[in-house]
Amino acid sequence: MTLENLLGLSLEAVQADALSIRRLLEAAGRSLNDARLPTISSEGRFDMAYKAIMQAANAALQANGYRTLTSKPGHHQTMIQSLPRTIGLEPTTMVLLDTLRKQRNVIDYSGDVVSASMAAEAVKQAELLLARVECWLRENKAHLSV
């Protein structure tokens, strides 16, 4: 399935805008910095890392001329699962990021405890994704790059 096939279902077309993309990437960087703070709980670190992942994925999607329909359920899933098409992310990495999304949902609705190692993995994946999106933008959409 292509991103175009998702128009009207879970995506809408947008004009790629360098300022919006820069804001998303800067926000992802701030979220990632917060996720690295050792003084906050593992849950807080996990949440901030997950937020950075969503912001980076959103920037990648918008750089390709799409935005999720947040009025429809599953927009986080769409952002993550579109990464192989937006930036050429390996499917195995996308599955790992989607696993973090699923864990976040379980944690949010069950109150499960987030281990330090789970928080560290979320931070690591957020760092890798943010770097990957920034690199992809420089190489493929330099006019939108920060």
N, C-alpha and C. Protein backbone atom coordinates (compact mmCIF):
# COMPACT_ATOMS: atom_id res chain seq x y z
N MET A 1 0.84 -1.18 0.00
CA MET A 1 0.00 0.00 0.00
C MET A 1 0.88 1.25 0.00
N THR A 2 0.46 2.25 -0.73
CA THR A 2 1.20 3.51 -0.77
C THR A 2 0.57 4.51 0.19
N LEU A 3 1.30 5.59 0.44
CA LEU A 3 0.75 6.64 1.29
C LEU A 3 -0.47 7.27 0.62
N GLU A 4 -0.42 7.37 -0.69
CA GLU A 4 -1.55 7.95 -1.43
C GLU A 4 -2.84 7.14 -1.21
N ASN A 5 -2.69 5.83 -1.06
CA ASN A 5 -3.88 4.99 -0.81
C ASN A 5 -4.54 5.31 0.53
N LEU A 6 -3.80 5.94 1.44
CA LEU A 6 -4.33 6.24 2.77
C LEU A 6 -5.01 7.61 2.84
N LEU A 7 -4.96 8.36 1.73
CA LEU A 7 -5.60 9.67 1.72
C LEU A 7 -7.09 9.55 2.01
N GLY A 8 -7.56 10.35 2.95
CA GLY A 8 -8.96 10.32 3.34
C GLY A 8 -9.29 9.26 4.37
N LEU A 9 -8.46 8.23 4.46
CA LEU A 9 -8.68 7.18 5.45
C LEU A 9 -7.95 7.50 6.75
N SER A 10 -6.66 7.74 6.64
CA SER A 10 -5.88 8.08 7.83
C SER A 10 -4.89 9.22 7.57
N LEU A 11 -4.79 9.66 6.30
CA LEU A 11 -3.88 10.74 5.94
C LEU A 11 -4.60 11.81 5.14
N GLU A 12 -4.04 13.03 5.21
CA GLU A 12 -4.47 14.10 4.33
C GLU A 12 -3.23 14.69 3.69
N ALA A 13 -3.40 15.24 2.51
CA ALA A 13 -2.28 15.87 1.80
C ALA A 13 -2.05 17.26 2.38
N VAL A 14 -0.76 17.61 2.52
CA VAL A 14 -0.37 18.94 2.99
C VAL A 14 0.79 19.42 2.13
N GLN A 15 0.98 20.71 2.12
CA GLN A 15 2.15 21.29 1.47
C GLN A 15 3.32 21.15 2.44
N ALA A 16 4.39 20.50 2.01
CA ALA A 16 5.57 20.38 2.86
C ALA A 16 6.10 21.77 3.17
N ASP A 17 6.28 22.04 4.45
CA ASP A 17 6.66 23.37 4.91
C ASP A 17 7.89 23.28 5.80
N ALA A 18 8.97 23.93 5.38
CA ALA A 18 10.24 23.85 6.11
C ALA A 18 10.11 24.32 7.55
N LEU A 19 9.34 25.38 7.78
CA LEU A 19 9.18 25.90 9.15
C LEU A 19 8.48 24.89 10.04
N SER A 20 7.41 24.30 9.56
CA SER A 20 6.67 23.30 10.36
C SER A 20 7.56 22.09 10.66
N ILE A 21 8.30 21.66 9.68
CA ILE A 21 9.18 20.50 9.87
C ILE A 21 10.29 20.85 10.86
N ARG A 22 10.85 22.04 10.74
CA ARG A 22 11.89 22.46 11.69
C ARG A 22 11.33 22.50 13.11
N ARG A 23 10.14 23.03 13.26
CA ARG A 23 9.51 23.09 14.60
C ARG A 23 9.31 21.69 15.18
N LEU A 24 8.86 20.77 14.35
CA LEU A 24 8.67 19.40 14.83
C LEU A 24 9.99 18.77 15.25
N LEU A 25 11.04 18.99 14.45
CA LEU A 25 12.34 18.41 14.79
C LEU A 25 12.94 19.06 16.03
N GLU A 26 12.75 20.36 16.18
CA GLU A 26 13.23 21.03 17.40
C GLU A 26 12.46 20.53 18.62
N ALA A 27 11.16 20.34 18.46
CA ALA A 27 10.35 19.80 19.56
C ALA A 27 10.80 18.39 19.91
N ALA A 28 11.11 17.60 18.89
CA ALA A 28 11.61 16.23 19.14
C ALA A 28 12.92 16.29 19.90
N GLY A 29 13.78 17.22 19.55
CA GLY A 29 15.05 17.38 20.27
C GLY A 29 14.84 17.76 21.72
N ARG A 30 13.90 18.67 21.98
CA ARG A 30 13.59 19.05 23.37
C ARG A 30 13.01 17.87 24.14
N SER A 31 12.10 17.14 23.50
CA SER A 31 11.51 15.96 24.15
C SER A 31 12.59 14.94 24.48
N LEU A 32 13.51 14.75 23.55
CA LEU A 32 14.60 13.80 23.76
C LEU A 32 15.51 14.26 24.90
N ASN A 33 15.80 15.55 24.95
CA ASN A 33 16.60 16.06 26.06
C ASN A 33 15.93 15.81 27.40
N ASP A 34 14.62 16.01 27.46
CA ASP A 34 13.88 15.72 28.69
C ASP A 34 13.92 14.23 29.01
N ALA A 35 13.82 13.39 27.99
CA ALA A 35 13.84 11.94 28.20
C ALA A 35 15.18 11.46 28.76
N ARG A 36 16.22 12.21 28.53
CA ARG A 36 17.55 11.84 29.03
C ARG A 36 17.78 12.26 30.48
N LEU A 37 16.88 13.04 31.04
CA LEU A 37 17.08 13.53 32.41
C LEU A 37 17.00 12.37 33.40
N PRO A 38 18.06 12.14 34.16
CA PRO A 38 18.06 11.02 35.10
C PRO A 38 17.19 11.28 36.34
N THR A 39 16.75 12.52 36.52
CA THR A 39 15.99 12.85 37.72
C THR A 39 14.49 12.60 37.58
N ILE A 40 14.03 12.28 36.38
CA ILE A 40 12.61 11.98 36.24
C ILE A 40 12.40 10.47 36.23
N SER A 41 11.18 10.06 36.46
CA SER A 41 10.86 8.64 36.54
C SER A 41 11.08 7.93 35.21
N SER A 42 11.16 6.63 35.27
CA SER A 42 11.27 5.84 34.04
C SER A 42 10.05 6.06 33.16
N GLU A 43 8.87 6.18 33.78
CA GLU A 43 7.66 6.44 33.01
C GLU A 43 7.76 7.77 32.27
N GLY A 44 8.25 8.79 32.96
CA GLY A 44 8.41 10.10 32.34
C GLY A 44 9.42 10.07 31.21
N ARG A 45 10.53 9.37 31.43
CA ARG A 45 11.55 9.26 30.39
C ARG A 45 11.00 8.52 29.17
N PHE A 46 10.27 7.43 29.42
CA PHE A 46 9.66 6.66 28.33
C PHE A 46 8.69 7.54 27.55
N ASP A 47 7.81 8.25 28.27
CA ASP A 47 6.82 9.10 27.60
C ASP A 47 7.47 10.18 26.75
N MET A 48 8.50 10.80 27.27
CA MET A 48 9.17 11.87 26.51
C MET A 48 9.91 11.30 25.30
N ALA A 49 10.50 10.13 25.44
CA ALA A 49 11.16 9.49 24.30
C ALA A 49 10.13 9.11 23.24
N TYR A 50 9.00 8.59 23.67
CA TYR A 50 7.94 8.24 22.73
C TYR A 50 7.43 9.48 22.01
N LYS A 51 7.29 10.57 22.75
CA LYS A 51 6.86 11.83 22.14
C LYS A 51 7.86 12.27 21.07
N ALA A 52 9.15 12.13 21.33
CA ALA A 52 10.18 12.48 20.35
C ALA A 52 10.05 11.61 19.10
N ILE A 53 9.76 10.33 19.29
CA ILE A 53 9.56 9.42 18.16
C ILE A 53 8.38 9.90 17.31
N MET A 54 7.29 10.26 17.95
CA MET A 54 6.11 10.73 17.21
C MET A 54 6.41 12.03 16.47
N GLN A 55 7.12 12.94 17.11
CA GLN A 55 7.43 14.22 16.46
C GLN A 55 8.35 14.01 15.25
N ALA A 56 9.33 13.14 15.37
CA ALA A 56 10.23 12.85 14.25
C ALA A 56 9.46 12.16 13.12
N ALA A 57 8.62 11.20 13.46
CA ALA A 57 7.83 10.50 12.44
C ALA A 57 6.86 11.46 11.74
N ASN A 58 6.30 12.37 12.50
CA ASN A 58 5.40 13.37 11.92
C ASN A 58 6.15 14.28 10.96
N ALA A 59 7.37 14.68 11.33
CA ALA A 59 8.18 15.51 10.43
C ALA A 59 8.47 14.77 9.13
N ALA A 60 8.79 13.49 9.23
CA ALA A 60 9.06 12.70 8.02
C ALA A 60 7.82 12.61 7.14
N LEU A 61 6.69 12.40 7.75
CA LEU A 61 5.45 12.30 6.99
C LEU A 61 5.13 13.63 6.30
N GLN A 62 5.26 14.72 7.04
CA GLN A 62 4.97 16.04 6.46
C GLN A 62 5.96 16.41 5.36
N ALA A 63 7.21 16.00 5.50
CA ALA A 63 8.20 16.27 4.46
C ALA A 63 7.82 15.58 3.15
N ASN A 64 7.02 14.53 3.24
CA ASN A 64 6.55 13.81 2.07
C ASN A 64 5.18 14.30 1.59
N GLY A 65 4.66 15.34 2.25
CA GLY A 65 3.40 15.94 1.81
C GLY A 65 2.15 15.33 2.41
N TYR A 66 2.27 14.73 3.59
CA TYR A 66 1.12 14.11 4.25
C TYR A 66 1.09 14.47 5.72
N ARG A 67 -0.11 14.36 6.29
CA ARG A 67 -0.29 14.53 7.73
C ARG A 67 -1.40 13.56 8.15
N THR A 68 -1.28 13.02 9.34
CA THR A 68 -2.31 12.10 9.79
C THR A 68 -3.59 12.85 10.10
N LEU A 69 -4.69 12.17 9.94
CA LEU A 69 -5.99 12.69 10.35
C LEU A 69 -6.15 12.35 11.83
N THR A 70 -5.89 13.33 12.68
CA THR A 70 -5.93 13.06 14.12
C THR A 70 -7.35 12.83 14.62
N SER A 71 -8.33 13.14 13.79
CA SER A 71 -9.72 12.87 14.16
C SER A 71 -10.06 11.39 14.02
N LYS A 72 -9.19 10.65 13.38
CA LYS A 72 -9.40 9.21 13.18
C LYS A 72 -8.52 8.44 14.16
N PRO A 73 -9.01 7.31 14.66
CA PRO A 73 -8.16 6.51 15.55
C PRO A 73 -6.96 5.93 14.79
N GLY A 74 -5.89 5.70 15.52
CA GLY A 74 -4.73 5.04 14.94
C GLY A 74 -3.72 5.96 14.31
N HIS A 75 -3.76 7.26 14.61
CA HIS A 75 -2.82 8.16 13.94
C HIS A 75 -1.38 7.93 14.38
N HIS A 76 -1.15 7.50 15.61
CA HIS A 76 0.22 7.18 16.03
C HIS A 76 0.72 5.95 15.26
N GLN A 77 -0.12 4.97 15.12
CA GLN A 77 0.23 3.77 14.37
C GLN A 77 0.55 4.12 12.93
N THR A 78 -0.25 4.97 12.33
CA THR A 78 -0.01 5.38 10.94
C THR A 78 1.33 6.08 10.80
N MET A 79 1.65 6.99 11.73
CA MET A 79 2.93 7.70 11.65
C MET A 79 4.11 6.74 11.70
N ILE A 80 4.04 5.78 12.61
CA ILE A 80 5.14 4.83 12.76
C ILE A 80 5.20 3.89 11.55
N GLN A 81 4.07 3.36 11.15
CA GLN A 81 4.07 2.38 10.08
C GLN A 81 4.33 2.99 8.71
N SER A 82 4.28 4.31 8.60
CA SER A 82 4.60 4.97 7.33
C SER A 82 6.11 5.19 7.17
N LEU A 83 6.89 5.03 8.22
CA LEU A 83 8.33 5.34 8.15
C LEU A 83 9.10 4.58 7.07
N PRO A 84 8.80 3.31 6.78
CA PRO A 84 9.50 2.67 5.66
C PRO A 84 9.24 3.37 4.32
N ARG A 85 8.06 3.98 4.17
CA ARG A 85 7.73 4.67 2.92
C ARG A 85 8.21 6.12 2.92
N THR A 86 8.28 6.75 4.10
CA THR A 86 8.67 8.16 4.13
C THR A 86 10.18 8.34 4.11
N ILE A 87 10.91 7.53 4.89
CA ILE A 87 12.36 7.71 4.97
C ILE A 87 13.14 6.43 4.66
N GLY A 88 12.43 5.39 4.23
CA GLY A 88 13.11 4.13 3.91
C GLY A 88 13.58 3.37 5.13
N LEU A 89 12.92 3.58 6.27
CA LEU A 89 13.29 2.88 7.50
C LEU A 89 13.12 1.38 7.31
N GLU A 90 14.06 0.63 7.84
CA GLU A 90 13.98 -0.83 7.74
C GLU A 90 12.71 -1.32 8.46
N PRO A 91 12.02 -2.28 7.87
CA PRO A 91 10.80 -2.80 8.50
C PRO A 91 11.04 -3.33 9.92
N THR A 92 12.19 -3.93 10.18
CA THR A 92 12.44 -4.45 11.52
C THR A 92 12.50 -3.32 12.55
N THR A 93 13.06 -2.18 12.17
CA THR A 93 13.10 -1.03 13.08
C THR A 93 11.71 -0.47 13.27
N MET A 94 10.93 -0.43 12.20
CA MET A 94 9.55 0.04 12.31
C MET A 94 8.76 -0.84 13.27
N VAL A 95 8.97 -2.15 13.20
CA VAL A 95 8.28 -3.07 14.10
C VAL A 95 8.68 -2.79 15.55
N LEU A 96 9.95 -2.52 15.78
CA LEU A 96 10.41 -2.19 17.13
C LEU A 96 9.75 -0.91 17.64
N LEU A 97 9.68 0.13 16.79
CA LEU A 97 9.02 1.37 17.19
C LEU A 97 7.54 1.14 17.44
N ASP A 98 6.92 0.29 16.64
CA ASP A 98 5.51 -0.02 16.84
C ASP A 98 5.30 -0.79 18.13
N THR A 99 6.26 -1.61 18.51
CA THR A 99 6.19 -2.31 19.80
C THR A 99 6.22 -1.31 20.95
N LEU A 100 7.05 -0.27 20.84
CA LEU A 100 7.08 0.78 21.85
C LEU A 100 5.73 1.48 21.93
N ARG A 101 5.11 1.70 20.78
CA ARG A 101 3.78 2.32 20.76
C ARG A 101 2.77 1.46 21.51
N LYS A 102 2.82 0.16 21.25
CA LYS A 102 1.90 -0.76 21.92
C LYS A 102 2.17 -0.80 23.41
N GLN A 103 3.45 -0.80 23.79
CA GLN A 103 3.79 -0.79 25.22
C GLN A 103 3.28 0.48 25.89
N ARG A 104 3.40 1.59 25.20
CA ARG A 104 2.91 2.85 25.75
C ARG A 104 1.41 2.77 26.01
N ASN A 105 0.67 2.20 25.07
CA ASN A 105 -0.77 2.06 25.28
C ASN A 105 -1.08 1.19 26.49
N VAL A 106 -0.38 0.08 26.62
CA VAL A 106 -0.61 -0.81 27.76
C VAL A 106 -0.28 -0.07 29.06
N ILE A 107 0.85 0.62 29.08
CA ILE A 107 1.26 1.34 30.27
C ILE A 107 0.25 2.42 30.64
N ASP A 108 -0.20 3.17 29.64
CA ASP A 108 -1.15 4.25 29.90
C ASP A 108 -2.48 3.75 30.45
N TYR A 109 -2.93 2.58 30.00
CA TYR A 109 -4.24 2.10 30.40
C TYR A 109 -4.21 1.07 31.52
N SER A 110 -3.02 0.58 31.87
CA SER A 110 -2.94 -0.43 32.93
C SER A 110 -2.20 0.07 34.16
N GLY A 111 -1.42 1.13 33.99
CA GLY A 111 -0.61 1.61 35.11
C GLY A 111 0.63 0.77 35.34
N ASP A 112 0.97 -0.09 34.38
CA ASP A 112 2.17 -0.92 34.53
C ASP A 112 3.39 -0.03 34.74
N VAL A 113 4.35 -0.57 35.43
CA VAL A 113 5.59 0.14 35.72
C VAL A 113 6.52 0.03 34.52
N VAL A 114 7.20 1.12 34.22
CA VAL A 114 8.20 1.14 33.15
C VAL A 114 9.57 0.92 33.79
N SER A 115 10.25 -0.09 33.33
CA SER A 115 11.59 -0.37 33.86
C SER A 115 12.59 0.64 33.32
N ALA A 116 13.68 0.77 34.02
CA ALA A 116 14.75 1.66 33.56
C ALA A 116 15.26 1.22 32.20
N SER A 117 15.34 -0.10 31.98
CA SER A 117 15.85 -0.59 30.69
C SER A 117 14.86 -0.30 29.56
N MET A 118 13.56 -0.35 29.84
CA MET A 118 12.57 -0.02 28.82
C MET A 118 12.65 1.46 28.47
N ALA A 119 12.80 2.30 29.47
CA ALA A 119 12.95 3.73 29.23
C ALA A 119 14.21 4.00 28.42
N ALA A 120 15.30 3.33 28.77
CA ALA A 120 16.57 3.52 28.05
C ALA A 120 16.43 3.08 26.59
N GLU A 121 15.71 2.01 26.34
CA GLU A 121 15.51 1.55 24.96
C GLU A 121 14.69 2.56 24.17
N ALA A 122 13.67 3.14 24.79
CA ALA A 122 12.86 4.15 24.11
C ALA A 122 13.71 5.38 23.78
N VAL A 123 14.57 5.78 24.71
CA VAL A 123 15.46 6.93 24.46
C VAL A 123 16.40 6.61 23.30
N LYS A 124 16.98 5.42 23.32
CA LYS A 124 17.90 5.01 22.25
C LYS A 124 17.20 5.04 20.89
N GLN A 125 16.00 4.49 20.82
CA GLN A 125 15.27 4.45 19.55
C GLN A 125 14.87 5.85 19.09
N ALA A 126 14.53 6.73 20.03
CA ALA A 126 14.20 8.11 19.69
C ALA A 126 15.42 8.82 19.12
N GLU A 127 16.57 8.62 19.74
CA GLU A 127 17.82 9.22 19.25
C GLU A 127 18.12 8.76 17.83
N LEU A 128 18.01 7.45 17.61
CA LEU A 128 18.31 6.89 16.29
C LEU A 128 17.34 7.41 15.24
N LEU A 129 16.05 7.45 15.58
CA LEU A 129 15.07 7.91 14.60
C LEU A 129 15.25 9.38 14.28
N LEU A 130 15.45 10.20 15.29
CA LEU A 130 15.63 11.63 15.04
C LEU A 130 16.84 11.86 14.13
N ALA A 131 17.94 11.18 14.42
CA ALA A 131 19.14 11.31 13.58
C ALA A 131 18.85 10.83 12.16
N ARG A 132 18.11 9.75 12.04
CA ARG A 132 17.79 9.20 10.72
C ARG A 132 16.92 10.15 9.91
N VAL A 133 15.91 10.74 10.54
CA VAL A 133 15.03 11.68 9.85
C VAL A 133 15.82 12.91 9.41
N GLU A 134 16.65 13.45 10.29
CA GLU A 134 17.45 14.62 9.94
C GLU A 134 18.40 14.32 8.77
N CYS A 135 19.03 13.17 8.80
CA CYS A 135 19.93 12.76 7.73
C CYS A 135 19.16 12.59 6.42
N TRP A 136 18.02 11.92 6.47
CA TRP A 136 17.19 11.72 5.29
C TRP A 136 16.78 13.05 4.69
N LEU A 137 16.39 13.98 5.54
CA LEU A 137 16.00 15.30 5.04
C LEU A 137 17.15 15.99 4.33
N ARG A 138 18.34 15.98 4.94
CA ARG A 138 19.51 16.61 4.31
C ARG A 138 19.81 15.99 2.95
N GLU A 139 19.68 14.67 2.86
CA GLU A 139 20.03 13.96 1.63
C GLU A 139 18.94 13.99 0.56
N ASN A 140 17.68 14.08 0.98
CA ASN A 140 16.59 13.92 0.03
C ASN A 140 15.67 15.14 -0.12
N LYS A 141 15.65 15.97 0.87
CA LYS A 141 14.77 17.15 0.85
C LYS A 141 15.51 18.32 1.47
N ALA A 142 16.65 18.65 0.90
CA ALA A 142 17.53 19.68 1.48
C ALA A 142 16.79 21.01 1.68
N HIS A 143 15.86 21.32 0.82
CA HIS A 143 15.12 22.58 0.96
C HIS A 143 14.23 22.60 2.20
N LEU A 144 13.98 21.44 2.80
CA LEU A 144 13.17 21.35 4.02
C LEU A 144 14.02 21.09 5.26
N SER A 145 15.29 20.88 5.05
CA SER A 145 16.21 20.50 6.12
C SER A 145 16.51 21.66 7.05
N VAL A 146 16.78 21.29 8.32
CA VAL A 146 17.16 22.31 9.31
C VAL A 146 18.62 22.66 9.20
